[in-house]
C-alpha atoms as a PDB file:
ATOM      1  CA  MET A   1      12.211  10.190 -38.510  1.00  0.00           C
ATOM      2  CA  PHE A   2      11.782   9.762 -34.704  1.00  0.00           C
ATOM      3  CA  LYS A   3      10.040   6.940 -33.451  1.00  0.00           C
ATOM      4  CA  ARG A   4       8.679   5.900 -29.483  1.00  0.00           C
ATOM      5  CA  THR A   5       9.764   2.054 -30.509  1.00  0.00           C
ATOM      6  CA  ARG A   6      12.594   2.254 -27.531  1.00  0.00           C
ATOM      7  CA  TYR A   7      10.092   2.542 -24.539  1.00  0.00           C
ATOM      8  CA  GLU A   8       8.016   0.437 -26.526  1.00  0.00           C
ATOM      9  CA  LEU A   9      10.046  -2.379 -25.767  1.00  0.00           C
ATOM     10  CA  ILE A  10      10.471  -1.225 -21.939  1.00  0.00           C
ATOM     11  CA  GLU A  11       6.756  -1.513 -21.586  1.00  0.00           C
ATOM     12  CA  ARG A  12       6.029  -4.562 -23.141  1.00  0.00           C
ATOM     13  CA  PHE A  13       8.611  -6.136 -20.810  1.00  0.00           C
ATOM     14  CA  GLN A  14       7.242  -4.332 -18.238  1.00  0.00           C
ATOM     15  CA  PHE A  15       3.768  -6.317 -19.006  1.00  0.00           C
ATOM     16  CA  ARG A  16       5.345  -9.646 -19.990  1.00  0.00           C
ATOM     17  CA  ILE A  17       7.283  -9.808 -16.711  1.00  0.00           C
ATOM     18  CA  ARG A  18       4.182  -9.085 -15.324  1.00  0.00           C
ATOM     19  CA  SER A  19       2.259 -11.571 -16.189  1.00  0.00           C
ATOM     20  CA  GLN A  20       4.764 -14.011 -15.480  1.00  0.00           C
ATOM     21  CA  ILE A  21       5.427 -13.536 -12.005  1.00  0.00           C
ATOM     22  CA  SER A  22       2.021 -13.544 -11.402  1.00  0.00           C
ATOM     23  CA  TYR A  23       1.595 -17.078 -12.757  1.00  0.00           C
ATOM     24  CA  ASP A  24       5.086 -17.726 -10.662  1.00  0.00           C
ATOM     25  CA  LEU A  25       4.034 -16.457  -7.976  1.00  0.00           C
ATOM     26  CA  SER A  26       0.394 -17.029  -7.580  1.00  0.00           C
ATOM     27  CA  GLU A  27       0.076 -18.249  -4.646  1.00  0.00           C
ATOM     28  CA  LEU A  28       2.740 -15.518  -3.041  1.00  0.00           C
ATOM     29  CA  LEU A  29       0.313 -13.034  -4.118  1.00  0.00           C
ATOM     30  CA  ASP A  30      -2.493 -14.262  -3.017  1.00  0.00           C
ATOM     31  CA  ALA A  31      -1.737 -15.154   0.685  1.00  0.00           C
ATOM     32  CA  SER A  32      -0.712 -11.090   0.586  1.00  0.00           C
ATOM     33  CA  GLU A  33      -3.843 -10.066  -1.168  1.00  0.00           C
ATOM     34  CA  ILE A  34      -5.592 -12.059   2.041  1.00  0.00           C
ATOM     35  CA  LEU A  35      -3.811  -9.349   3.981  1.00  0.00           C
ATOM     36  CA  ALA A  36      -4.965  -7.025   1.862  1.00  0.00           C
ATOM     37  CA  GLU A  37      -7.956  -7.544   2.345  1.00  0.00           C
ATOM     38  CA  LEU A  38      -7.913  -7.646   5.944  1.00  0.00           C
ATOM     39  CA  MET A  39      -6.768  -4.554   6.563  1.00  0.00           C
ATOM     40  CA  LEU A  40      -9.242  -2.859   4.382  1.00  0.00           C
ATOM     41  CA  TRP A  41     -11.649  -4.918   5.895  1.00  0.00           C
ATOM     42  CA  GLY A  42     -10.001  -3.715  10.032  1.00  0.00           C
ATOM     43  CA  MET A  43     -10.210  -0.046   8.344  1.00  0.00           C
ATOM     44  CA  GLU A  44     -13.419   0.326   7.803  1.00  0.00           C
ATOM     45  CA  HIS A  45     -14.444  -1.040  11.996  1.00  0.00           C
ATOM     46  CA  LEU A  46     -12.972   2.218  12.460  1.00  0.00           C
ATOM     47  CA  PRO A  47     -14.603   4.983  13.663  1.00  0.00           C
ATOM     48  CA  ARG A  48     -14.987   7.677  10.943  1.00  0.00           C
ATOM     49  CA  THR A  49     -16.005  11.145  12.512  1.00  0.00           C
ATOM     50  CA  ALA A  50     -15.670  12.245  15.610  1.00  0.00           C
ATOM     51  CA  THR A  51     -16.962  15.825  17.596  1.00  0.00           C
ATOM     52  CA  GLY A  52     -14.361  18.577  18.830  1.00  0.00           C
ATOM     53  CA  ASN A  53     -11.100  19.152  16.872  1.00  0.00           C
ATOM     54  CA  GLU A  54      -8.628  17.351  19.933  1.00  0.00           C
ATOM     55  CA  GLU A  55     -11.006  14.370  19.345  1.00  0.00           C
ATOM     56  CA  ALA A  56     -10.358  14.090  15.669  1.00  0.00           C
ATOM     57  CA  ASP A  57      -7.225  15.179  15.049  1.00  0.00           C
ATOM     58  CA  PRO A  58      -5.738  11.000  16.539  1.00  0.00           C
ATOM     59  CA  ILE A  59      -8.334  10.214  13.783  1.00  0.00           C
ATOM     60  CA  THR A  60      -7.343  12.227  11.177  1.00  0.00           C
ATOM     61  CA  SER A  61      -3.611  11.347  12.010  1.00  0.00           C
ATOM     62  CA  LEU A  62      -4.108   7.822  12.012  1.00  0.00           C
ATOM     63  CA  THR A  63      -5.996   7.322   9.406  1.00  0.00           C
ATOM     64  CA  THR A  64      -3.553   9.007   7.697  1.00  0.00           C
ATOM     65  CA  ILE A  65      -0.694   6.513   8.058  1.00  0.00           C
ATOM     66  CA  LEU A  66      -3.042   3.349   8.067  1.00  0.00           C
ATOM     67  CA  VAL A  67      -3.963   4.699   4.459  1.00  0.00           C
ATOM     68  CA  ARG A  68      -0.052   5.397   3.652  1.00  0.00           C
ATOM     69  CA  LEU A  69       1.054   1.784   4.996  1.00  0.00           C
ATOM     70  CA  PHE A  70      -1.451   0.020   3.018  1.00  0.00           C
ATOM     71  CA  ASN A  71      -0.267   2.295  -0.233  1.00  0.00           C
ATOM     72  CA  ASP A  72       3.664   1.283   0.485  1.00  0.00           C
ATOM     73  CA  PHE A  73       2.681  -1.546   0.298  1.00  0.00           C
ATOM     74  CA  GLU A  74       1.138  -1.771  -2.956  1.00  0.00           C
ATOM     75  CA  ALA A  75       3.666   0.390  -4.405  1.00  0.00           C
ATOM     76  CA  VAL A  76       6.431  -2.623  -3.539  1.00  0.00           C
ATOM     77  CA  LYS A  77       3.972  -5.075  -5.104  1.00  0.00           C
ATOM     78  CA  LEU A  78       3.271  -2.862  -8.255  1.00  0.00           C
ATOM     79  CA  LEU A  79       7.150  -2.259  -8.801  1.00  0.00           C
ATOM     80  CA  ALA A  80       8.411  -5.812  -7.850  1.00  0.00           C
ATOM     81  CA  LEU A  81       5.931  -7.393 -10.475  1.00  0.00           C
ATOM     82  CA  ILE A  82       7.709  -4.659 -13.497  1.00  0.00           C
ATOM     83  CA  GLY A  83      10.702  -6.104 -12.326  1.00  0.00           C
ATOM     84  CA  LEU A  84      12.375  -2.908 -10.392  1.00  0.00           C
ATOM     85  CA  SER A  85      13.138  -4.820  -7.377  1.00  0.00           C
ATOM     86  CA  ASP A  86      15.518  -2.345  -5.908  1.00  0.00           C
ATOM     87  CA  GLN A  87      13.001  -0.104  -6.036  1.00  0.00           C
ATOM     88  CA  SER A  88      10.453  -1.736  -4.316  1.00  0.00           C
ATOM     89  CA  ASN A  89      12.730  -1.091  -1.247  1.00  0.00           C
ATOM     90  CA  GLY A  90      11.964   2.386  -0.439  1.00  0.00           C
ATOM     91  CA  PRO A  91       8.272   1.722   0.331  1.00  0.00           C
ATOM     92  CA  LEU A  92       8.951  -1.142   1.689  1.00  0.00           C
ATOM     93  CA  ARG A  93      11.442   0.358   4.194  1.00  0.00           C
ATOM     94  CA  ASP A  94       8.569   3.249   4.713  1.00  0.00           C
ATOM     95  CA  SER A  95       6.078   0.906   5.523  1.00  0.00           C
ATOM     96  CA  ILE A  96       8.549   0.114   8.966  1.00  0.00           C
ATOM     97  CA  GLU A  97       7.898   3.425  10.159  1.00  0.00           C
ATOM     98  CA  CYS A  98       4.019   3.565   9.562  1.00  0.00           C
ATOM     99  CA  MET A  99       4.376   0.506  11.696  1.00  0.00           C
ATOM    100  CA  MET A 100       6.318   2.080  14.268  1.00  0.00           C
ATOM    101  CA  ILE A 101       4.223   5.239  14.125  1.00  0.00           C
ATOM    102  CA  VAL A 102       0.750   3.535  14.860  1.00  0.00           C
ATOM    103  CA  ARG A 103       1.830   2.229  17.673  1.00  0.00           C
ATOM    104  CA  LEU A 104       3.562   5.368  19.416  1.00  0.00           C
ATOM    105  CA  PHE A 105      -0.046   6.739  18.877  1.00  0.00           C
ATOM    106  CA  GLN A 106      -1.846   3.936  19.935  1.00  0.00           C
ATOM    107  CA  VAL A 107       0.160   4.226  23.631  1.00  0.00           C
ATOM    108  CA  ASP A 108       0.335   8.110  23.631  1.00  0.00           C
ATOM    109  CA  PRO A 109      -2.886   9.641  21.345  1.00  0.00           C
ATOM    110  CA  LYS A 110      -1.600  13.101  21.416  1.00  0.00           C
ATOM    111  CA  THR A 111       1.503  12.512  19.766  1.00  0.00           C
ATOM    112  CA  SER A 112      -0.668  11.970  16.991  1.00  0.00           C
ATOM    113  CA  THR A 113      -2.029  15.145  17.315  1.00  0.00           C
ATOM    114  CA  ARG A 114       1.452  16.095  17.368  1.00  0.00           C
ATOM    115  CA  TRP A 115       2.399  14.550  14.585  1.00  0.00           C
ATOM    116  CA  LEU A 116       0.296  16.779  12.367  1.00  0.00           C
ATOM    117  CA  THR A 117       2.139  19.524  13.121  1.00  0.00           C
ATOM    118  CA  HIS A 118       5.427  19.133  13.705  1.00  0.00           C
ATOM    119  CA  GLY A 119       6.095  15.723  11.840  1.00  0.00           C
ATOM    120  CA  ASN A 120       9.884  16.096  11.458  1.00  0.00           C
ATOM    121  CA  GLU A 121      10.540  14.678  15.085  1.00  0.00           C
ATOM    122  CA  TYR A 122       9.160  11.482  14.462  1.00  0.00           C
ATOM    123  CA  THR A 123      12.212  10.456  12.395  1.00  0.00           C
ATOM    124  CA  PRO A 124      11.900   6.472  12.689  1.00  0.00           C
ATOM    125  CA  GLY A 125      15.164   5.915  15.338  1.00  0.00           C
ATOM    126  CA  ALA A 126      13.063   9.126  17.975  1.00  0.00           C
ATOM    127  CA  VAL A 127      10.078   6.744  16.929  1.00  0.00           C
ATOM    128  CA  TYR A 128      11.791   3.889  18.207  1.00  0.00           C
ATOM    129  CA  ALA A 129      13.845   4.906  20.645  1.00  0.00           C
ATOM    130  CA  GLU A 130      10.078   6.486  22.398  1.00  0.00           C
ATOM    131  CA  LEU A 131       8.993   2.426  21.882  1.00  0.00           C
ATOM    132  CA  ASP A 132      11.573   1.483  23.092  1.00  0.00           C
ATOM    133  CA  ARG A 133      11.603   3.762  26.448  1.00  0.00           C
ATOM    134  CA  ARG A 134       8.073   3.010  26.827  1.00  0.00           C
ATOM    135  CA  GLY A 135       8.916  -1.261  26.690  1.00  0.00           C
ATOM    136  CA  ILE A 136       6.794  -1.404  23.780  1.00  0.00           C
ATOM    137  CA  ALA A 137       9.108  -4.141  20.882  1.00  0.00           C
ATOM    138  CA  ALA A 138       8.892  -2.698  17.262  1.00  0.00           C
ATOM    139  CA  LEU A 139      10.346  -5.992  15.638  1.00  0.00           C
ATOM    140  CA  GLU A 140      10.286  -4.229  11.943  1.00  0.00           C
ATOM    141  CA  TYR A 141      13.053  -2.068  13.431  1.00  0.00           C
ATOM    142  CA  ALA A 142      14.624  -5.106  12.573  1.00  0.00           C
ATOM    143  CA  MET A 143      14.633  -4.730   8.850  1.00  0.00           C
ATOM    144  CA  TYR A 144      15.459  -0.951   8.659  1.00  0.00           C
ATOM    145  CA  GLY A 145      18.859  -0.968   8.068  1.00  0.00           C
ATOM    146  CA  PHE A 146      18.882  -3.806   5.777  1.00  0.00           C
ATOM    147  CA  LEU A 147      16.753  -2.001   3.293  1.00  0.00           C
ATOM    148  CA  SER A 148      18.532   1.534   4.114  1.00  0.00           C
ATOM    149  CA  ASP A 149      21.412   0.181   2.257  1.00  0.00           C
ATOM    150  CA  ARG A 150      18.940  -1.503  -0.186  1.00  0.00           C
ATOM    151  CA  THR A 151      17.043   1.959  -0.716  1.00  0.00           C
ATOM    152  CA  HIS A 152      20.469   4.240  -1.548  1.00  0.00           C
ATOM    153  CA  PRO A 153      21.725   4.101  -5.581  1.00  0.00           C
ATOM    154  CA  ASN A 154      24.501   2.314  -4.504  1.00  0.00           C
ATOM    155  CA  LEU A 155      25.989  -1.336  -5.772  1.00  0.00           C
ATOM    156  CA  MET A 156      23.582  -3.048  -2.749  1.00  0.00           C
ATOM    157  CA  GLY A 157      21.048  -0.833  -3.996  1.00  0.00           C
ATOM    158  CA  SER A 158      21.860  -1.932  -7.689  1.00  0.00           C
ATOM    159  CA  VAL A 159      22.823  -5.535  -8.052  1.00  0.00           C
ATOM    160  CA  GLY A 160      18.301  -6.634  -8.860  1.00  0.00           C
ATOM    161  CA  THR A 161      18.544  -5.268 -12.558  1.00  0.00           C
ATOM    162  CA  ALA A 162      22.228  -5.969 -13.456  1.00  0.00           C
ATOM    163  CA  LYS A 163      24.609  -8.853 -14.654  1.00  0.00           C
ATOM    164  CA  GLU A 164      27.390 -10.277 -15.777  1.00  0.00           C
ATOM    165  CA  THR A 165      28.008 -13.110 -18.167  1.00  0.00           C
ATOM    166  CA  ASP A 166      31.410 -14.481 -18.619  1.00  0.00           C
ATOM    167  CA  HIS A 167      31.986 -15.686 -22.525  1.00  0.00           C
ATOM    168  CA  GLY A 168      35.172 -16.849 -21.721  1.00  0.00           C
ATOM    169  CA  GLY A 169      38.538 -15.591 -22.870  1.00  0.00           C
ATOM    170  CA  GLY A 170      38.608 -12.295 -20.838  1.00  0.00           C
ATOM    171  CA  HIS A 171      35.343 -11.742 -23.183  1.00  0.00           C
ATOM    172  CA  ILE A 172      32.616 -10.381 -19.807  1.00  0.00           C
ATOM    173  CA  GLY A 173      29.240  -9.773 -21.457  1.00  0.00           C
ATOM    174  CA  THR A 174      26.517  -6.646 -19.492  1.00  0.00           C
ATOM    175  CA  GLU A 175      23.174  -7.058 -19.430  1.00  0.00           C
ATOM    176  CA  TRP A 176      21.627  -4.284 -17.481  1.00  0.00           C
ATOM    177  CA  GLY A 177      17.636  -4.377 -16.641  1.00  0.00           C
ATOM    178  CA  LEU A 178      16.461  -0.608 -18.131  1.00  0.00           C
ATOM    179  CA  GLY A 179      13.210  -0.056 -16.880  1.00  0.00           C
ATOM    180  CA  GLY A 180      13.125  -3.388 -14.900  1.00  0.00           C
ATOM    181  CA  TYR A 181      14.836  -6.793 -14.814  1.00  0.00           C
ATOM    182  CA  ASN A 182      13.403 -10.623 -14.362  1.00  0.00           C
ATOM    183  CA  SER A 183      15.498 -11.020 -11.356  1.00  0.00           C
ATOM    184  CA  PRO A 184      13.938 -14.673  -9.789  1.00  0.00           C
ATOM    185  CA  PHE A 185      15.169 -13.870  -6.328  1.00  0.00           C
ATOM    186  CA  PHE A 186      15.273 -10.750  -5.674  1.00  0.00           C
ATOM    187  CA  ILE A 187      11.662 -10.149  -6.807  1.00  0.00           C
ATOM    188  CA  HIS A 188      10.563 -13.496  -4.652  1.00  0.00           C
ATOM    189  CA  SER A 189      12.793 -11.959  -2.300  1.00  0.00           C
ATOM    190  CA  VAL A 190      11.199  -8.181  -2.066  1.00  0.00           C
ATOM    191  CA  LEU A 191       7.240  -9.844  -2.419  1.00  0.00           C
ATOM    192  CA  PHE A 192       8.487 -11.978   0.621  1.00  0.00           C
ATOM    193  CA  GLN A 193       9.383  -9.855   2.669  1.00  0.00           C
ATOM    194  CA  ARG A 194       5.939  -7.368   1.602  1.00  0.00           C
ATOM    195  CA  SER A 195       3.464  -9.787   2.452  1.00  0.00           C
ATOM    196  CA  LEU A 196       6.169 -10.830   6.251  1.00  0.00           C
ATOM    197  CA  PHE A 197       5.337  -7.235   7.357  1.00  0.00           C
ATOM    198  CA  GLN A 198       1.921  -7.355   6.273  1.00  0.00           C
ATOM    199  CA  LEU A 199       1.699 -10.581   9.096  1.00  0.00           C
ATOM    200  CA  LEU A 200       3.371  -8.552  11.483  1.00  0.00           C
ATOM    201  CA  ALA A 201       1.190  -5.536  11.274  1.00  0.00           C
ATOM    202  CA  LEU A 202      -1.938  -7.600  11.309  1.00  0.00           C
ATOM    203  CA  LYS A 203      -0.411  -9.889  14.099  1.00  0.00           C
ATOM    204  CA  ASP A 204       0.626  -7.246  15.699  1.00  0.00           C
ATOM    205  CA  PRO A 205      -0.070  -3.037  16.544  1.00  0.00           C
ATOM    206  CA  LEU A 206      -3.336  -3.207  13.769  1.00  0.00           C
ATOM    207  CA  ARG A 207      -4.371  -6.812  15.486  1.00  0.00           C
ATOM    208  CA  ASN A 208      -4.869  -4.381  18.770  1.00  0.00           C
ATOM    209  CA  LEU A 209      -6.165  -1.290  16.672  1.00  0.00           C
ATOM    210  CA  PHE A 210      -9.225  -3.163  15.052  1.00  0.00           C
ATOM    211  CA  ALA A 211     -10.261  -6.290  18.078  1.00  0.00           C
ATOM    212  CA  PRO A 212     -12.036  -3.431  20.396  1.00  0.00           C
ATOM    213  CA  HIS A 213     -14.133  -2.969  16.851  1.00  0.00           C
ATOM    214  CA  PHE A 214     -15.357  -6.364  15.777  1.00  0.00           C
ATOM    215  CA  SER A 215     -17.869  -9.011  16.431  1.00  0.00           C
ATOM    216  CA  ALA A 216     -16.591 -12.935  18.099  1.00  0.00           C
ATOM    217  CA  ASN A 217     -17.866 -14.262  15.132  1.00  0.00           C
ATOM    218  CA  GLU A 218     -15.677 -11.428  12.881  1.00  0.00           C
ATOM    219  CA  TRP A 219     -12.968 -12.487  15.546  1.00  0.00           C
ATOM    220  CA  GLN A 220     -13.063 -15.570  14.792  1.00  0.00           C
ATOM    221  CA  VAL A 221     -13.133 -15.323  10.774  1.00  0.00           C
ATOM    222  CA  TRP A 222     -10.098 -12.977  11.188  1.00  0.00           C
ATOM    223  CA  ARG A 223      -8.019 -15.338  12.806  1.00  0.00           C
ATOM    224  CA  SER A 224      -9.100 -18.045  10.197  1.00  0.00           C
ATOM    225  CA  GLU A 225      -7.475 -15.793   7.480  1.00  0.00           C
ATOM    226  CA  ILE A 226      -4.407 -14.647   9.265  1.00  0.00           C
ATOM    227  CA  ALA A 227      -3.565 -18.105   9.888  1.00  0.00           C
ATOM    228  CA  LYS A 228      -4.386 -19.299   6.278  1.00  0.00           C
ATOM    229  CA  ALA A 229      -2.284 -16.519   4.792  1.00  0.00           C
ATOM    230  CA  GLU A 230      -0.027 -17.506   7.372  1.00  0.00           C
ATOM    231  CA  GLU A 231      -0.042 -21.269   6.268  1.00  0.00           C
ATOM    232  CA  ILE A 232       1.107 -20.091   2.319  1.00  0.00           C
ATOM    233  CA  LEU A 233       3.818 -17.783   3.264  1.00  0.00           C
ATOM    234  CA  GLY A 234       5.417 -20.718   6.077  1.00  0.00           C
ATOM    235  CA  ARG A 235       5.909 -22.569   2.335  1.00  0.00           C
ATOM    236  CA  HIS A 236       7.579 -19.975   0.268  1.00  0.00           C
ATOM    237  CA  LEU A 237      10.381 -18.661   2.326  1.00  0.00           C
ATOM    238  CA  PRO A 238      13.295 -17.603   0.792  1.00  0.00           C
ATOM    239  CA  ARG A 239      16.983 -18.772   1.023  1.00  0.00           C
ATOM    240  CA  PRO A 240      19.040 -16.486   0.858  1.00  0.00           C
ATOM    241  CA  ASP A 241      21.518 -18.357  -2.374  1.00  0.00           C
ATOM    242  CA  SER A 242      21.058 -15.708  -5.335  1.00  0.00           C
ATOM    243  CA  ARG A 243      21.410 -17.191  -8.628  1.00  0.00           C
ATOM    244  CA  ASP A 244      21.705 -13.490 -10.004  1.00  0.00           C
ATOM    245  CA  GLN A 245      25.510 -13.586 -10.135  1.00  0.00           C
ATOM    246  CA  ALA A 246      27.806 -11.502 -11.726  1.00  0.00           C
ATOM    247  CA  SER A 247      31.527 -12.308 -12.768  1.00  0.00           C
ATOM    248  CA  GLU A 248      32.588  -9.125 -11.744  1.00  0.00           C
ATOM    249  CA  GLU A 249      34.333  -9.123  -8.054  1.00  0.00           C
ATOM    250  CA  GLY A 250      32.505  -6.179  -7.108  1.00  0.00           C
ATOM    251  CA  VAL A 251      29.696  -7.449  -7.924  1.00  0.00           C
ATOM    252  CA  LYS A 252      30.202 -10.841  -6.683  1.00  0.00           C
ATOM    253  CA  VAL A 253      30.969  -9.328  -3.230  1.00  0.00           C
ATOM    254  CA  ALA A 254      27.584  -7.215  -3.314  1.00  0.00           C
ATOM    255  CA  ILE A 255      25.025 -10.224  -3.767  1.00  0.00           C
ATOM    256  CA  ALA A 256      27.619 -12.344  -1.277  1.00  0.00           C
ATOM    257  CA  LYS A 257      26.682  -9.358   1.624  1.00  0.00           C
ATOM    258  CA  LEU A 258      23.261  -9.039   0.508  1.00  0.00           C
ATOM    259  CA  ASN A 259      22.435 -12.924   1.170  1.00  0.00           C
ATOM    260  CA  ARG A 260      24.467 -12.911   3.946  1.00  0.00           C
ATOM    261  CA  LYS A 261      22.439  -9.646   5.467  1.00  0.00           C
ATOM    262  CA  SER A 262      19.239 -10.791   3.640  1.00  0.00           C
ATOM    263  CA  SER A 263      19.445 -14.060   5.424  1.00  0.00           C
ATOM    264  CA  ARG A 264      20.714 -12.739   9.283  1.00  0.00           C
ATOM    265  CA  THR A 265      17.377  -9.760   9.245  1.00  0.00           C
ATOM    266  CA  ASN A 266      14.933 -12.555   8.123  1.00  0.00           C
ATOM    267  CA  ASP A 267      16.077 -14.327  10.233  1.00  0.00           C
ATOM    268  CA  LYS A 268      16.219 -12.615  13.523  1.00  0.00           C
ATOM    269  CA  LEU A 269      12.568 -11.304  12.867  1.00  0.00           C
ATOM    270  CA  LEU A 270      11.091 -14.266  12.353  1.00  0.00           C
ATOM    271  CA  ARG A 271      12.529 -15.837  15.245  1.00  0.00           C
ATOM    272  CA  GLU A 272      11.292 -12.281  17.339  1.00  0.00           C
ATOM    273  CA  MET A 273       7.938 -13.032  15.725  1.00  0.00           C
ATOM    274  CA  ARG A 274       8.117 -17.123  17.131  1.00  0.00           C
ATOM    275  CA  LYS A 275       8.943 -15.717  20.370  1.00  0.00           C
ATOM    276  CA  MET A 276       6.312 -13.234  20.719  1.00  0.00           C
ATOM    277  CA  PHE A 277       3.655 -15.205  19.020  1.00  0.00           C
ATOM    278  CA  GLY A 278       4.205 -18.731  20.167  1.00  0.00           C
ATOM    279  CA  ASP A 279       1.702 -20.935  19.287  1.00  0.00           C
ATOM    280  CA  GLY A 280       0.512 -18.453  17.546  1.00  0.00           C
ATOM    281  CA  PHE A 281       2.443 -18.324  14.340  1.00  0.00           C
ATOM    282  CA  ASN A 282       2.229 -21.106  12.003  1.00  0.00           C
ATOM    283  CA  PHE A 283       5.916 -20.614  10.372  1.00  0.00           C
ATOM    284  CA  PRO A 284       8.064 -23.602  10.551  1.00  0.00           C
ATOM    285  CA  ASP A 285      11.172 -24.108  12.011  1.00  0.00           C
END
């Protein structure tokens, strides 16, 4: 008799690992929750209606992108919390595209109207090139190539759900994370990067978007909460030294390469954020 016991095991695993990760990384998740709340608060201050199609279209476009950005961040969290760290890199990469489009819409509202009907023109490379032409820094693009590597079904995009153990005597056991895998290094890395992108979005493109609509008191609260989240994140900087090692040589090389690329891209992004925000950036060196 056919019984659906196999998938039930996966569902039970996903429930258990979510509870475990939520407990182990509660402080990091709390910081991310603060940042998510600030984004929602800022969106509530934006205009909701406009008269005339030319004025309404930019509002429609901008709201669409902001909702997509918020939901991408949520998708990253939900996937990571059930052990799908490899799959969470897709929406994390997409959040970069959203941030760059938000920047472009602010400096050229006409592009937001065209985006509604010619969205295929707004590829990440094209948007970044246009921002660069206008002298607008898009720091998030420093992570785009790294995350793109990890979104493809290759070895680099699969190391977070496979583990090989050498039992000696030429006997190697392989464990695959079917439905998710408890990979602390990769899960922590993804959740930290998500929080870092949330922070960057709020400190730069969204700050410029929301600030004119806040009162002086609201703005003071905003800055205080940002600093609080930033201080927490500074204590959770990932150290690229994965313990999710495998014995098979190809996987070892992939993990070593991933650690190096992760370290370089994180360092570059953090260095540029320190340069841009100066004393307003509270991460430790």
